[in-house]
Amino acid sequence: MRAVVQRVLKAGVECDGSAVASIDRGMLALVGFHRDDTDADSEYITGKLLGLRIFDDAAGVMNLNLSEAGGGLLLVSQFTLYGDARKGRRPSYSEAMAPGPAREMFDRFTARCRELHPVVERGLFGAEMMVSLVNWGPVTILLDSARLF
């Protein structure tokens, strides 16, 4: 499982011109699932995501996690995080999880994040979305559960 995490001042998702989800200050996480991912991968990323100390404390040091700093979490499923463009010019997505199981994994991942954090929004799985954000810092972190196992 992979997640591209961005600290944001605000972020939102629109589909067909309608707002689907939005947060103010917090984190936007684009998440993708590998075809071999299990709930252990999801749990690892959940812990890393919610534990990331990327918000400033009173001394101006990135020392606070999302809960300590206060803010929302916006989750957006993105299978293209497993795009492999090493050969040719058209990425291969053969390592990405199939849509059915990925939808179930994204639902479980979202539910687990909601158990642990009070403000969690999400985009629409499988939809073409317009994602907007104001990256704060900028701060962008890549999380990958494959490095754990």
C-alpha atoms as a PDB file:
ATOM      1  CA  MET A   1       0.000   0.000   0.000  1.00  0.00           C
ATOM      2  CA  ARG A   2       1.199   3.452  -0.813  1.00  0.00           C
ATOM      3  CA  ALA A   3       0.142   6.870   0.372  1.00  0.00           C
ATOM      4  CA  VAL A   4       1.277  10.283  -0.798  1.00  0.00           C
ATOM      5  CA  VAL A   5       0.592  12.568   2.143  1.00  0.00           C
ATOM      6  CA  GLN A   6       0.444  16.331   1.862  1.00  0.00           C
ATOM      7  CA  ARG A   7       0.068  18.798   4.689  1.00  0.00           C
ATOM      8  CA  VAL A   8      -2.609  21.216   3.534  1.00  0.00           C
ATOM      9  CA  LEU A   9      -4.276  24.470   4.508  1.00  0.00           C
ATOM     10  CA  LYS A  10      -7.340  23.186   2.655  1.00  0.00           C
ATOM     11  CA  ALA A  11      -8.244  20.419   0.231  1.00  0.00           C
ATOM     12  CA  GLY A  12     -11.351  19.256  -1.571  1.00  0.00           C
ATOM     13  CA  VAL A  13     -12.795  16.821  -4.075  1.00  0.00           C
ATOM     14  CA  GLU A  14     -15.388  17.551  -6.758  1.00  0.00           C
ATOM     15  CA  CYS A  15     -17.145  15.145  -9.124  1.00  0.00           C
ATOM     16  CA  ASP A  16     -19.212  16.382 -12.052  1.00  0.00           C
ATOM     17  CA  GLY A  17     -19.032  19.922 -10.705  1.00  0.00           C
ATOM     18  CA  SER A  18     -20.389  19.003  -7.262  1.00  0.00           C
ATOM     19  CA  ALA A  19     -18.431  19.133  -4.017  1.00  0.00           C
ATOM     20  CA  VAL A  20     -17.952  15.648  -2.576  1.00  0.00           C
ATOM     21  CA  ALA A  21     -15.620  16.290   0.360  1.00  0.00           C
ATOM     22  CA  SER A  22     -13.467  19.024   1.813  1.00  0.00           C
ATOM     23  CA  ILE A  23     -11.271  19.802   4.772  1.00  0.00           C
ATOM     24  CA  ASP A  24      -9.555  22.854   6.109  1.00  0.00           C
ATOM     25  CA  ARG A  25      -6.124  22.580   7.747  1.00  0.00           C
ATOM     26  CA  GLY A  26      -4.895  18.988   7.894  1.00  0.00           C
ATOM     27  CA  MET A  27      -3.696  16.261   5.549  1.00  0.00           C
ATOM     28  CA  LEU A  28      -4.607  14.983   2.111  1.00  0.00           C
ATOM     29  CA  ALA A  29      -3.648  11.354   1.501  1.00  0.00           C
ATOM     30  CA  LEU A  30      -3.703   9.837  -1.975  1.00  0.00           C
ATOM     31  CA  VAL A  31      -3.790   6.071  -1.357  1.00  0.00           C
ATOM     32  CA  GLY A  32      -3.167   3.137  -3.657  1.00  0.00           C
ATOM     33  CA  PHE A  33      -3.321  -0.601  -3.059  1.00  0.00           C
ATOM     34  CA  HIS A  34      -0.928  -3.231  -4.382  1.00  0.00           C
ATOM     35  CA  ARG A  35      -2.477  -6.454  -5.678  1.00  0.00           C
ATOM     36  CA  ASP A  36      -0.915  -8.401  -2.764  1.00  0.00           C
ATOM     37  CA  ASP A  37      -1.840  -5.962   0.024  1.00  0.00           C
ATOM     38  CA  THR A  38      -3.565  -7.258   3.137  1.00  0.00           C
ATOM     39  CA  ASP A  39      -5.204  -5.607   6.115  1.00  0.00           C
ATOM     40  CA  ALA A  40      -1.750  -5.639   7.767  1.00  0.00           C
ATOM     41  CA  ASP A  41      -0.519  -3.219   5.077  1.00  0.00           C
ATOM     42  CA  SER A  42      -3.549  -1.007   5.639  1.00  0.00           C
ATOM     43  CA  GLU A  43      -3.063  -1.021   9.409  1.00  0.00           C
ATOM     44  CA  TYR A  44       0.615  -0.109   8.994  1.00  0.00           C
ATOM     45  CA  ILE A  45      -0.205   2.851   6.735  1.00  0.00           C
ATOM     46  CA  THR A  46      -3.020   3.960   9.061  1.00  0.00           C
ATOM     47  CA  GLY A  47      -0.600   4.079  11.991  1.00  0.00           C
ATOM     48  CA  LYS A  48       2.069   5.899  10.015  1.00  0.00           C
ATOM     49  CA  LEU A  49      -0.394   8.368   8.516  1.00  0.00           C
ATOM     50  CA  LEU A  50      -2.035   9.354  11.788  1.00  0.00           C
ATOM     51  CA  GLY A  51       1.269   9.336  13.644  1.00  0.00           C
ATOM     52  CA  LEU A  52       3.220  11.538  11.216  1.00  0.00           C
ATOM     53  CA  ARG A  53       4.690  14.491  13.084  1.00  0.00           C
ATOM     54  CA  ILE A  54       4.471  17.086  10.308  1.00  0.00           C
ATOM     55  CA  PHE A  55       2.747  19.953  12.140  1.00  0.00           C
ATOM     56  CA  ASP A  56       4.597  22.686  14.008  1.00  0.00           C
ATOM     57  CA  ASP A  57       4.653  22.869  17.781  1.00  0.00           C
ATOM     58  CA  ALA A  58       4.866  26.163  19.720  1.00  0.00           C
ATOM     59  CA  ALA A  59       8.596  26.346  18.937  1.00  0.00           C
ATOM     60  CA  GLY A  60       7.997  26.049  15.185  1.00  0.00           C
ATOM     61  CA  VAL A  61       9.349  22.494  14.980  1.00  0.00           C
ATOM     62  CA  MET A  62       7.453  19.781  13.085  1.00  0.00           C
ATOM     63  CA  ASN A  63       6.687  17.787  16.207  1.00  0.00           C
ATOM     64  CA  LEU A  64       2.895  17.304  16.259  1.00  0.00           C
ATOM     65  CA  ASN A  65       0.717  14.692  14.581  1.00  0.00           C
ATOM     66  CA  LEU A  66      -2.697  15.383  13.076  1.00  0.00           C
ATOM     67  CA  SER A  67      -4.640  14.765  16.288  1.00  0.00           C
ATOM     68  CA  GLU A  68      -2.328  16.942  18.362  1.00  0.00           C
ATOM     69  CA  ALA A  69      -2.403  19.779  15.837  1.00  0.00           C
ATOM     70  CA  GLY A  70      -6.111  19.441  15.100  1.00  0.00           C
ATOM     71  CA  GLY A  71      -7.348  19.171  11.572  1.00  0.00           C
ATOM     72  CA  GLY A  72      -9.004  16.997   9.005  1.00  0.00           C
ATOM     73  CA  LEU A  73      -7.903  14.058   6.906  1.00  0.00           C
ATOM     74  CA  LEU A  74      -9.028  13.746   3.293  1.00  0.00           C
ATOM     75  CA  LEU A  75      -8.538  10.309   1.694  1.00  0.00           C
ATOM     76  CA  VAL A  76      -8.513   9.838  -2.078  1.00  0.00           C
ATOM     77  CA  SER A  77      -8.083   6.421  -3.675  1.00  0.00           C
ATOM     78  CA  GLN A  78      -5.585   6.502  -6.539  1.00  0.00           C
ATOM     79  CA  PHE A  79      -4.602   3.286  -8.323  1.00  0.00           C
ATOM     80  CA  THR A  80      -2.073   5.189 -10.443  1.00  0.00           C
ATOM     81  CA  LEU A  81       0.310   5.189  -7.455  1.00  0.00           C
ATOM     82  CA  TYR A  82       1.207   1.705  -8.704  1.00  0.00           C
ATOM     83  CA  GLY A  83       1.850   2.860 -12.266  1.00  0.00           C
ATOM     84  CA  ASP A  84       5.152   1.493 -13.549  1.00  0.00           C
ATOM     85  CA  ALA A  85       6.674   3.623 -16.300  1.00  0.00           C
ATOM     86  CA  ARG A  86      10.151   2.087 -16.367  1.00  0.00           C
ATOM     87  CA  LYS A  87       9.504   0.543 -19.795  1.00  0.00           C
ATOM     88  CA  GLY A  88       8.067   2.568 -22.636  1.00  0.00           C
ATOM     89  CA  ARG A  89       5.937   5.648 -22.241  1.00  0.00           C
ATOM     90  CA  ARG A  90       2.630   4.179 -21.146  1.00  0.00           C
ATOM     91  CA  PRO A  91       2.528   3.150 -17.480  1.00  0.00           C
ATOM     92  CA  SER A  92       1.521  -0.382 -16.585  1.00  0.00           C
ATOM     93  CA  TYR A  93      -0.907  -0.794 -13.707  1.00  0.00           C
ATOM     94  CA  SER A  94      -0.572  -4.576 -13.362  1.00  0.00           C
ATOM     95  CA  GLU A  95       0.705  -4.239  -9.784  1.00  0.00           C
ATOM     96  CA  ALA A  96      -2.402  -2.311  -8.663  1.00  0.00           C
ATOM     97  CA  MET A  97      -5.167  -4.158  -6.864  1.00  0.00           C
ATOM     98  CA  ALA A  98      -8.262  -4.976  -8.950  1.00  0.00           C
ATOM     99  CA  PRO A  99     -11.129  -2.493  -8.510  1.00  0.00           C
ATOM    100  CA  GLY A 100     -13.491  -4.750  -6.491  1.00  0.00           C
ATOM    101  CA  PRO A 101     -11.021  -5.755  -3.776  1.00  0.00           C
ATOM    102  CA  ALA A 102      -9.489  -2.247  -3.811  1.00  0.00           C
ATOM    103  CA  ARG A 103     -12.889  -0.687  -3.104  1.00  0.00           C
ATOM    104  CA  GLU A 104     -13.348  -3.023  -0.128  1.00  0.00           C
ATOM    105  CA  MET A 105      -9.827  -2.267   1.140  1.00  0.00           C
ATOM    106  CA  PHE A 106     -10.406   1.492   0.768  1.00  0.00           C
ATOM    107  CA  ASP A 107     -13.694   1.206   2.678  1.00  0.00           C
ATOM    108  CA  ARG A 108     -11.981  -0.690   5.523  1.00  0.00           C
ATOM    109  CA  PHE A 109      -9.061   1.760   5.516  1.00  0.00           C
ATOM    110  CA  THR A 110     -11.437   4.729   5.710  1.00  0.00           C
ATOM    111  CA  ALA A 111     -13.444   3.096   8.516  1.00  0.00           C
ATOM    112  CA  ARG A 112     -10.289   2.433  10.525  1.00  0.00           C
ATOM    113  CA  CYS A 113      -9.099   6.026  10.106  1.00  0.00           C
ATOM    114  CA  ARG A 114     -12.519   7.217  11.261  1.00  0.00           C
ATOM    115  CA  GLU A 115     -12.233   5.052  14.381  1.00  0.00           C
ATOM    116  CA  LEU A 116      -8.976   6.784  15.257  1.00  0.00           C
ATOM    117  CA  HIS A 117      -9.522  10.377  14.104  1.00  0.00           C
ATOM    118  CA  PRO A 118     -12.667  12.534  14.393  1.00  0.00           C
ATOM    119  CA  VAL A 119     -12.550  14.345  11.026  1.00  0.00           C
ATOM    120  CA  VAL A 120     -12.083  12.037   8.034  1.00  0.00           C
ATOM    121  CA  GLU A 121     -13.502  12.795   4.584  1.00  0.00           C
ATOM    122  CA  ARG A 122     -13.043  10.837   1.368  1.00  0.00           C
ATOM    123  CA  GLY A 123     -13.337  11.067  -2.360  1.00  0.00           C
ATOM    124  CA  LEU A 124     -15.510   8.781  -4.474  1.00  0.00           C
ATOM    125  CA  PHE A 125     -13.857   5.471  -5.249  1.00  0.00           C
ATOM    126  CA  GLY A 126     -13.449   4.857  -8.977  1.00  0.00           C
ATOM    127  CA  ALA A 127     -14.820   8.240 -10.012  1.00  0.00           C
ATOM    128  CA  GLU A 128     -13.043  10.855 -12.052  1.00  0.00           C
ATOM    129  CA  MET A 129     -12.396  13.518  -9.453  1.00  0.00           C
ATOM    130  CA  MET A 130     -11.065  17.040  -9.396  1.00  0.00           C
ATOM    131  CA  VAL A 131      -8.806  17.252  -6.352  1.00  0.00           C
ATOM    132  CA  SER A 132      -7.754  20.694  -5.184  1.00  0.00           C
ATOM    133  CA  LEU A 133      -5.379  21.574  -2.399  1.00  0.00           C
ATOM    134  CA  VAL A 134      -3.212  24.244  -0.930  1.00  0.00           C
ATOM    135  CA  ASN A 135      -0.041  22.419   0.077  1.00  0.00           C
ATOM    136  CA  TRP A 136       1.283  23.968   3.264  1.00  0.00           C
ATOM    137  CA  GLY A 137       5.056  24.160   3.470  1.00  0.00           C
ATOM    138  CA  PRO A 138       5.154  22.434   1.076  1.00  0.00           C
ATOM    139  CA  VAL A 139       5.253  19.164   2.983  1.00  0.00           C
ATOM    140  CA  THR A 140       4.815  15.935   1.016  1.00  0.00           C
ATOM    141  CA  ILE A 141       5.657  12.478   2.415  1.00  0.00           C
ATOM    142  CA  LEU A 142       5.590   9.094   0.679  1.00  0.00           C
ATOM    143  CA  LEU A 143       4.515   6.075   2.747  1.00  0.00           C
ATOM    144  CA  ASP A 144       4.918   2.526   1.444  1.00  0.00           C
ATOM    145  CA  SER A 145       4.042  -0.610   3.397  1.00  0.00           C
ATOM    146  CA  ALA A 146       6.334  -2.767   1.227  1.00  0.00           C
ATOM    147  CA  ARG A 147       9.335  -1.374   3.062  1.00  0.00           C
ATOM    148  CA  LEU A 148       8.015  -2.922   6.276  1.00  0.00           C
ATOM    149  CA  PHE A 149       7.813  -6.509   5.060  1.00  0.00           C
END
